[in-house]
Amino acid sequence: MPQGIASGLIGRSSFQGGAATWILGLALHFFIALSMAGVYYAASRKLPFLKDHWMLCGLFYGMALYLVMNLVVVPLSAIHARGPIERADLIKGLLVHMVLIALPIAYSVRAFSKEQISVPACRVV
Protein backbone atom coordinates (compact mmCIF):
# COMPACT_ATOMS: atom_id res chain seq x y z
CA MET A 1 0.00 0.00 0.00
CA PRO A 2 2.69 2.61 0.82
CA GLN A 3 4.28 2.24 -2.61
CA GLY A 4 0.86 2.73 -4.18
CA ILE A 5 0.49 5.98 -2.26
CA ALA A 6 3.99 7.05 -3.33
CA SER A 7 3.02 6.33 -6.94
CA GLY A 8 0.60 9.24 -6.70
CA LEU A 9 3.61 11.52 -6.32
CA ILE A 10 6.31 9.88 -8.45
CA GLY A 11 4.38 7.61 -10.79
CA ARG A 12 4.51 3.89 -11.45
CA SER A 13 8.28 3.78 -10.89
CA SER A 14 7.57 3.82 -7.16
CA PHE A 15 6.95 0.07 -7.29
CA GLN A 16 10.59 -0.47 -8.24
CA GLY A 17 11.93 1.93 -5.61
CA GLY A 18 12.17 -0.54 -2.77
CA ALA A 19 12.35 0.64 0.82
CA ALA A 20 12.82 4.29 -0.11
CA THR A 21 9.49 4.58 -1.90
CA TRP A 22 7.82 2.45 0.79
CA ILE A 23 8.95 4.95 3.43
CA LEU A 24 7.90 7.87 1.21
CA GLY A 25 4.44 6.34 0.80
CA LEU A 26 4.10 5.77 4.54
CA ALA A 27 5.14 9.36 5.25
CA LEU A 28 2.64 10.64 2.66
CA HIS A 29 -0.08 8.46 4.18
CA PHE A 30 0.45 9.97 7.64
CA PHE A 31 0.70 13.48 6.18
CA ILE A 32 -2.66 13.02 4.42
CA ALA A 33 -4.30 11.54 7.54
CA LEU A 34 -3.01 14.33 9.78
CA SER A 35 -4.14 16.90 7.22
CA MET A 36 -7.64 15.39 7.22
CA ALA A 37 -7.74 15.60 11.01
CA GLY A 38 -6.36 19.14 10.96
CA VAL A 39 -9.01 20.33 8.52
CA TYR A 40 -11.80 18.88 10.68
CA TYR A 41 -10.28 20.38 13.82
CA ALA A 42 -9.91 23.81 12.22
CA ALA A 43 -13.47 23.70 10.92
CA SER A 44 -14.76 22.69 14.36
CA ARG A 45 -13.31 25.88 15.86
CA LYS A 46 -15.62 27.95 13.61
CA LEU A 47 -18.53 25.50 13.40
CA PRO A 48 -19.32 24.17 16.89
CA PHE A 49 -21.99 21.79 15.60
CA LEU A 50 -19.14 19.61 14.28
CA LYS A 51 -18.33 18.81 17.91
CA ASP A 52 -21.90 18.73 19.17
CA HIS A 53 -23.10 16.30 16.48
CA TRP A 54 -19.79 14.51 15.97
CA MET A 55 -21.23 11.18 14.81
CA LEU A 56 -23.42 12.53 12.01
CA CYS A 57 -20.85 15.13 10.96
CA GLY A 58 -18.11 12.49 11.05
CA LEU A 59 -20.06 10.22 8.71
CA PHE A 60 -20.63 13.06 6.24
CA TYR A 61 -16.99 14.10 6.55
CA GLY A 62 -15.98 10.54 5.65
CA MET A 63 -18.12 10.71 2.52
CA ALA A 64 -16.54 14.04 1.59
CA LEU A 65 -13.03 12.68 2.17
CA TYR A 66 -13.68 9.70 -0.07
CA LEU A 67 -15.13 11.83 -2.84
CA VAL A 68 -12.33 14.42 -2.70
CA MET A 69 -9.65 11.71 -2.73
CA ASN A 70 -11.19 9.80 -5.64
CA LEU A 71 -12.57 12.64 -7.74
CA VAL A 72 -9.86 15.28 -7.21
CA VAL A 73 -6.62 13.98 -5.68
CA VAL A 74 -6.21 10.65 -7.48
CA PRO A 75 -7.05 11.99 -10.98
CA LEU A 76 -4.55 14.84 -10.47
CA SER A 77 -1.85 12.51 -9.17
CA ALA A 78 0.99 11.00 -11.18
CA ILE A 79 -0.95 7.76 -11.76
CA HIS A 80 -3.92 9.59 -13.34
CA ALA A 81 -6.46 6.96 -12.29
CA ARG A 82 -9.77 7.52 -14.02
CA GLY A 83 -12.75 5.54 -15.01
CA PRO A 84 -15.90 4.27 -13.43
CA ILE A 85 -15.73 2.99 -9.88
CA GLU A 86 -17.29 -0.40 -9.32
CA ARG A 87 -20.29 -0.33 -6.98
CA ALA A 88 -18.65 -2.72 -4.48
CA ASP A 89 -15.47 -0.60 -4.39
CA LEU A 90 -17.53 2.56 -3.93
CA ILE A 91 -19.46 1.10 -0.99
CA LYS A 92 -16.34 -0.36 0.61
CA GLY A 93 -14.39 2.88 0.15
CA LEU A 94 -17.20 5.01 1.56
CA LEU A 95 -17.64 2.76 4.59
CA VAL A 96 -13.90 2.67 5.33
CA HIS A 97 -13.57 6.46 5.10
CA MET A 98 -16.74 7.06 7.11
CA VAL A 99 -16.25 4.53 9.91
CA LEU A 100 -12.50 3.94 10.19
CA ILE A 101 -11.18 7.40 9.32
CA ALA A 102 -13.69 10.21 9.80
CA LEU A 103 -15.57 8.94 12.87
CA PRO A 104 -12.37 8.57 14.93
CA ILE A 105 -11.30 12.05 13.80
CA ALA A 106 -14.66 13.58 14.75
CA TYR A 107 -14.78 11.76 18.08
CA SER A 108 -11.19 12.76 18.93
CA VAL A 109 -11.86 16.40 18.13
CA ARG A 110 -14.94 16.31 20.35
CA ALA A 111 -13.23 14.45 23.19
CA PHE A 112 -10.09 16.59 23.26
CA SER A 113 -11.85 19.91 22.85
CA LYS A 114 -14.19 19.61 25.82
CA GLU A 115 -13.67 22.51 28.12
CA GLN A 116 -12.42 21.48 31.50
CA ILE A 117 -14.67 22.45 34.38
CA SER A 118 -12.61 23.78 37.22
CA VAL A 119 -13.59 22.57 40.65
CA PRO A 120 -12.66 24.80 43.58
CA ALA A 121 -10.02 23.24 45.79
CA CYS A 122 -11.21 21.98 49.14
CA ARG A 123 -9.38 23.22 52.19
CA VAL A 124 -8.48 20.75 54.87
CA VAL A 125 -8.85 22.27 58.29
C-alpha atoms as a PDB file:
ATOM      1  CA  MET A   1       0.000   0.000   0.000  1.00  0.00           C
ATOM      2  CA  PRO A   2       2.686   2.611   0.819  1.00  0.00           C
ATOM      3  CA  GLN A   3       4.284   2.240  -2.608  1.00  0.00           C
ATOM      4  CA  GLY A   4       0.859   2.725  -4.176  1.00  0.00           C
ATOM      5  CA  ILE A   5       0.493   5.980  -2.258  1.00  0.00           C
ATOM      6  CA  ALA A   6       3.989   7.050  -3.330  1.00  0.00           C
ATOM      7  CA  SER A   7       3.019   6.329  -6.937  1.00  0.00           C
ATOM      8  CA  GLY A   8       0.599   9.240  -6.700  1.00  0.00           C
ATOM      9  CA  LEU A   9       3.613  11.517  -6.316  1.00  0.00           C
ATOM     10  CA  ILE A  10       6.315   9.883  -8.455  1.00  0.00           C
ATOM     11  CA  GLY A  11       4.379   7.605 -10.785  1.00  0.00           C
ATOM     12  CA  ARG A  12       4.508   3.888 -11.451  1.00  0.00           C
ATOM     13  CA  SER A  13       8.276   3.783 -10.891  1.00  0.00           C
ATOM     14  CA  SER A  14       7.572   3.822  -7.160  1.00  0.00           C
ATOM     15  CA  PHE A  15       6.954   0.071  -7.290  1.00  0.00           C
ATOM     16  CA  GLN A  16      10.593  -0.473  -8.245  1.00  0.00           C
ATOM     17  CA  GLY A  17      11.928   1.933  -5.612  1.00  0.00           C
ATOM     18  CA  GLY A  18      12.171  -0.540  -2.770  1.00  0.00           C
ATOM     19  CA  ALA A  19      12.351   0.636   0.817  1.00  0.00           C
ATOM     20  CA  ALA A  20      12.818   4.291  -0.105  1.00  0.00           C
ATOM     21  CA  THR A  21       9.486   4.579  -1.895  1.00  0.00           C
ATOM     22  CA  TRP A  22       7.822   2.446   0.788  1.00  0.00           C
ATOM     23  CA  ILE A  23       8.953   4.950   3.427  1.00  0.00           C
ATOM     24  CA  LEU A  24       7.901   7.866   1.211  1.00  0.00           C
ATOM     25  CA  GLY A  25       4.439   6.335   0.799  1.00  0.00           C
ATOM     26  CA  LEU A  26       4.103   5.769   4.535  1.00  0.00           C
ATOM     27  CA  ALA A  27       5.137   9.365   5.254  1.00  0.00           C
ATOM     28  CA  LEU A  28       2.638  10.641   2.662  1.00  0.00           C
ATOM     29  CA  HIS A  29      -0.079   8.463   4.182  1.00  0.00           C
ATOM     30  CA  PHE A  30       0.453   9.971   7.641  1.00  0.00           C
ATOM     31  CA  PHE A  31       0.696  13.479   6.185  1.00  0.00           C
ATOM     32  CA  ILE A  32      -2.659  13.017   4.419  1.00  0.00           C
ATOM     33  CA  ALA A  33      -4.302  11.539   7.540  1.00  0.00           C
ATOM     34  CA  LEU A  34      -3.011  14.332   9.778  1.00  0.00           C
ATOM     35  CA  SER A  35      -4.137  16.903   7.223  1.00  0.00           C
ATOM     36  CA  MET A  36      -7.640  15.388   7.219  1.00  0.00           C
ATOM     37  CA  ALA A  37      -7.744  15.599  11.005  1.00  0.00           C
ATOM     38  CA  GLY A  38      -6.364  19.145  10.963  1.00  0.00           C
ATOM     39  CA  VAL A  39      -9.011  20.331   8.518  1.00  0.00           C
ATOM     40  CA  TYR A  40     -11.802  18.876  10.681  1.00  0.00           C
ATOM     41  CA  TYR A  41     -10.280  20.376  13.821  1.00  0.00           C
ATOM     42  CA  ALA A  42      -9.909  23.815  12.218  1.00  0.00           C
ATOM     43  CA  ALA A  43     -13.472  23.697  10.923  1.00  0.00           C
ATOM     44  CA  SER A  44     -14.760  22.688  14.365  1.00  0.00           C
ATOM     45  CA  ARG A  45     -13.307  25.878  15.856  1.00  0.00           C
ATOM     46  CA  LYS A  46     -15.618  27.947  13.613  1.00  0.00           C
ATOM     47  CA  LEU A  47     -18.530  25.501  13.401  1.00  0.00           C
ATOM     48  CA  PRO A  48     -19.317  24.166  16.895  1.00  0.00           C
ATOM     49  CA  PHE A  49     -21.995  21.787  15.598  1.00  0.00           C
ATOM     50  CA  LEU A  50     -19.142  19.610  14.276  1.00  0.00           C
ATOM     51  CA  LYS A  51     -18.325  18.807  17.909  1.00  0.00           C
ATOM     52  CA  ASP A  52     -21.904  18.734  19.172  1.00  0.00           C
ATOM     53  CA  HIS A  53     -23.098  16.303  16.485  1.00  0.00           C
ATOM     54  CA  TRP A  54     -19.789  14.507  15.968  1.00  0.00           C
ATOM     55  CA  MET A  55     -21.234  11.183  14.806  1.00  0.00           C
ATOM     56  CA  LEU A  56     -23.422  12.528  12.009  1.00  0.00           C
ATOM     57  CA  CYS A  57     -20.845  15.128  10.962  1.00  0.00           C
ATOM     58  CA  GLY A  58     -18.114  12.492  11.049  1.00  0.00           C
ATOM     59  CA  LEU A  59     -20.059  10.219   8.715  1.00  0.00           C
ATOM     60  CA  PHE A  60     -20.630  13.055   6.241  1.00  0.00           C
ATOM     61  CA  TYR A  61     -16.985  14.100   6.549  1.00  0.00           C
ATOM     62  CA  GLY A  62     -15.981  10.541   5.647  1.00  0.00           C
ATOM     63  CA  MET A  63     -18.117  10.714   2.518  1.00  0.00           C
ATOM     64  CA  ALA A  64     -16.543  14.038   1.593  1.00  0.00           C
ATOM     65  CA  LEU A  65     -13.029  12.676   2.173  1.00  0.00           C
ATOM     66  CA  TYR A  66     -13.678   9.698  -0.066  1.00  0.00           C
ATOM     67  CA  LEU A  67     -15.133  11.833  -2.837  1.00  0.00           C
ATOM     68  CA  VAL A  68     -12.330  14.415  -2.697  1.00  0.00           C
ATOM     69  CA  MET A  69      -9.651  11.711  -2.730  1.00  0.00           C
ATOM     70  CA  ASN A  70     -11.192   9.800  -5.641  1.00  0.00           C
ATOM     71  CA  LEU A  71     -12.570  12.642  -7.742  1.00  0.00           C
ATOM     72  CA  VAL A  72      -9.858  15.277  -7.214  1.00  0.00           C
ATOM     73  CA  VAL A  73      -6.619  13.976  -5.680  1.00  0.00           C
ATOM     74  CA  VAL A  74      -6.212  10.647  -7.484  1.00  0.00           C
ATOM     75  CA  PRO A  75      -7.051  11.988 -10.982  1.00  0.00           C
ATOM     76  CA  LEU A  76      -4.555  14.842 -10.472  1.00  0.00           C
ATOM     77  CA  SER A  77      -1.846  12.511  -9.167  1.00  0.00           C
ATOM     78  CA  ALA A  78       0.994  10.996 -11.182  1.00  0.00           C
ATOM     79  CA  ILE A  79      -0.951   7.761 -11.756  1.00  0.00           C
ATOM     80  CA  HIS A  80      -3.919   9.585 -13.339  1.00  0.00           C
ATOM     81  CA  ALA A  81      -6.460   6.959 -12.295  1.00  0.00           C
ATOM     82  CA  ARG A  82      -9.773   7.517 -14.015  1.00  0.00           C
ATOM     83  CA  GLY A  83     -12.748   5.536 -15.009  1.00  0.00           C
ATOM     84  CA  PRO A  84     -15.903   4.267 -13.426  1.00  0.00           C
ATOM     85  CA  ILE A  85     -15.733   2.992  -9.879  1.00  0.00           C
ATOM     86  CA  GLU A  86     -17.291  -0.404  -9.317  1.00  0.00           C
ATOM     87  CA  ARG A  87     -20.287  -0.334  -6.983  1.00  0.00           C
ATOM     88  CA  ALA A  88     -18.647  -2.723  -4.476  1.00  0.00           C
ATOM     89  CA  ASP A  89     -15.470  -0.599  -4.390  1.00  0.00           C
ATOM     90  CA  LEU A  90     -17.531   2.562  -3.925  1.00  0.00           C
ATOM     91  CA  ILE A  91     -19.465   1.100  -0.993  1.00  0.00           C
ATOM     92  CA  LYS A  92     -16.339  -0.355   0.615  1.00  0.00           C
ATOM     93  CA  GLY A  93     -14.395   2.883   0.147  1.00  0.00           C
ATOM     94  CA  LEU A  94     -17.202   5.009   1.561  1.00  0.00           C
ATOM     95  CA  LEU A  95     -17.637   2.759   4.594  1.00  0.00           C
ATOM     96  CA  VAL A  96     -13.903   2.672   5.335  1.00  0.00           C
ATOM     97  CA  HIS A  97     -13.570   6.460   5.100  1.00  0.00           C
ATOM     98  CA  MET A  98     -16.740   7.056   7.108  1.00  0.00           C
ATOM     99  CA  VAL A  99     -16.255   4.525   9.913  1.00  0.00           C
ATOM    100  CA  LEU A 100     -12.502   3.941  10.187  1.00  0.00           C
ATOM    101  CA  ILE A 101     -11.176   7.401   9.322  1.00  0.00           C
ATOM    102  CA  ALA A 102     -13.689  10.210   9.802  1.00  0.00           C
ATOM    103  CA  LEU A 103     -15.572   8.941  12.872  1.00  0.00           C
ATOM    104  CA  PRO A 104     -12.372   8.571  14.932  1.00  0.00           C
ATOM    105  CA  ILE A 105     -11.298  12.047  13.801  1.00  0.00           C
ATOM    106  CA  ALA A 106     -14.658  13.580  14.745  1.00  0.00           C
ATOM    107  CA  TYR A 107     -14.775  11.758  18.082  1.00  0.00           C
ATOM    108  CA  SER A 108     -11.194  12.765  18.932  1.00  0.00           C
ATOM    109  CA  VAL A 109     -11.861  16.405  18.130  1.00  0.00           C
ATOM    110  CA  ARG A 110     -14.941  16.310  20.355  1.00  0.00           C
ATOM    111  CA  ALA A 111     -13.225  14.449  23.190  1.00  0.00           C
ATOM    112  CA  PHE A 112     -10.089  16.589  23.264  1.00  0.00           C
ATOM    113  CA  SER A 113     -11.853  19.912  22.850  1.00  0.00           C
ATOM    114  CA  LYS A 114     -14.194  19.613  25.819  1.00  0.00           C
ATOM    115  CA  GLU A 115     -13.672  22.507  28.121  1.00  0.00           C
ATOM    116  CA  GLN A 116     -12.424  21.475  31.504  1.00  0.00           C
ATOM    117  CA  ILE A 117     -14.668  22.454  34.376  1.00  0.00           C
ATOM    118  CA  SER A 118     -12.607  23.777  37.222  1.00  0.00           C
ATOM    119  CA  VAL A 119     -13.593  22.572  40.649  1.00  0.00           C
ATOM    120  CA  PRO A 120     -12.658  24.797  43.577  1.00  0.00           C
ATOM    121  CA  ALA A 121     -10.019  23.244  45.788  1.00  0.00           C
ATOM    122  CA  CYS A 122     -11.208  21.983  49.144  1.00  0.00           C
ATOM    123  CA  ARG A 123      -9.378  23.224  52.192  1.00  0.00           C
ATOM    124  CA  VAL A 124      -8.483  20.752  54.865  1.00  0.00           C
ATOM    125  CA  VAL A 125      -8.853  22.272  58.294  1.00  0.00           C
END
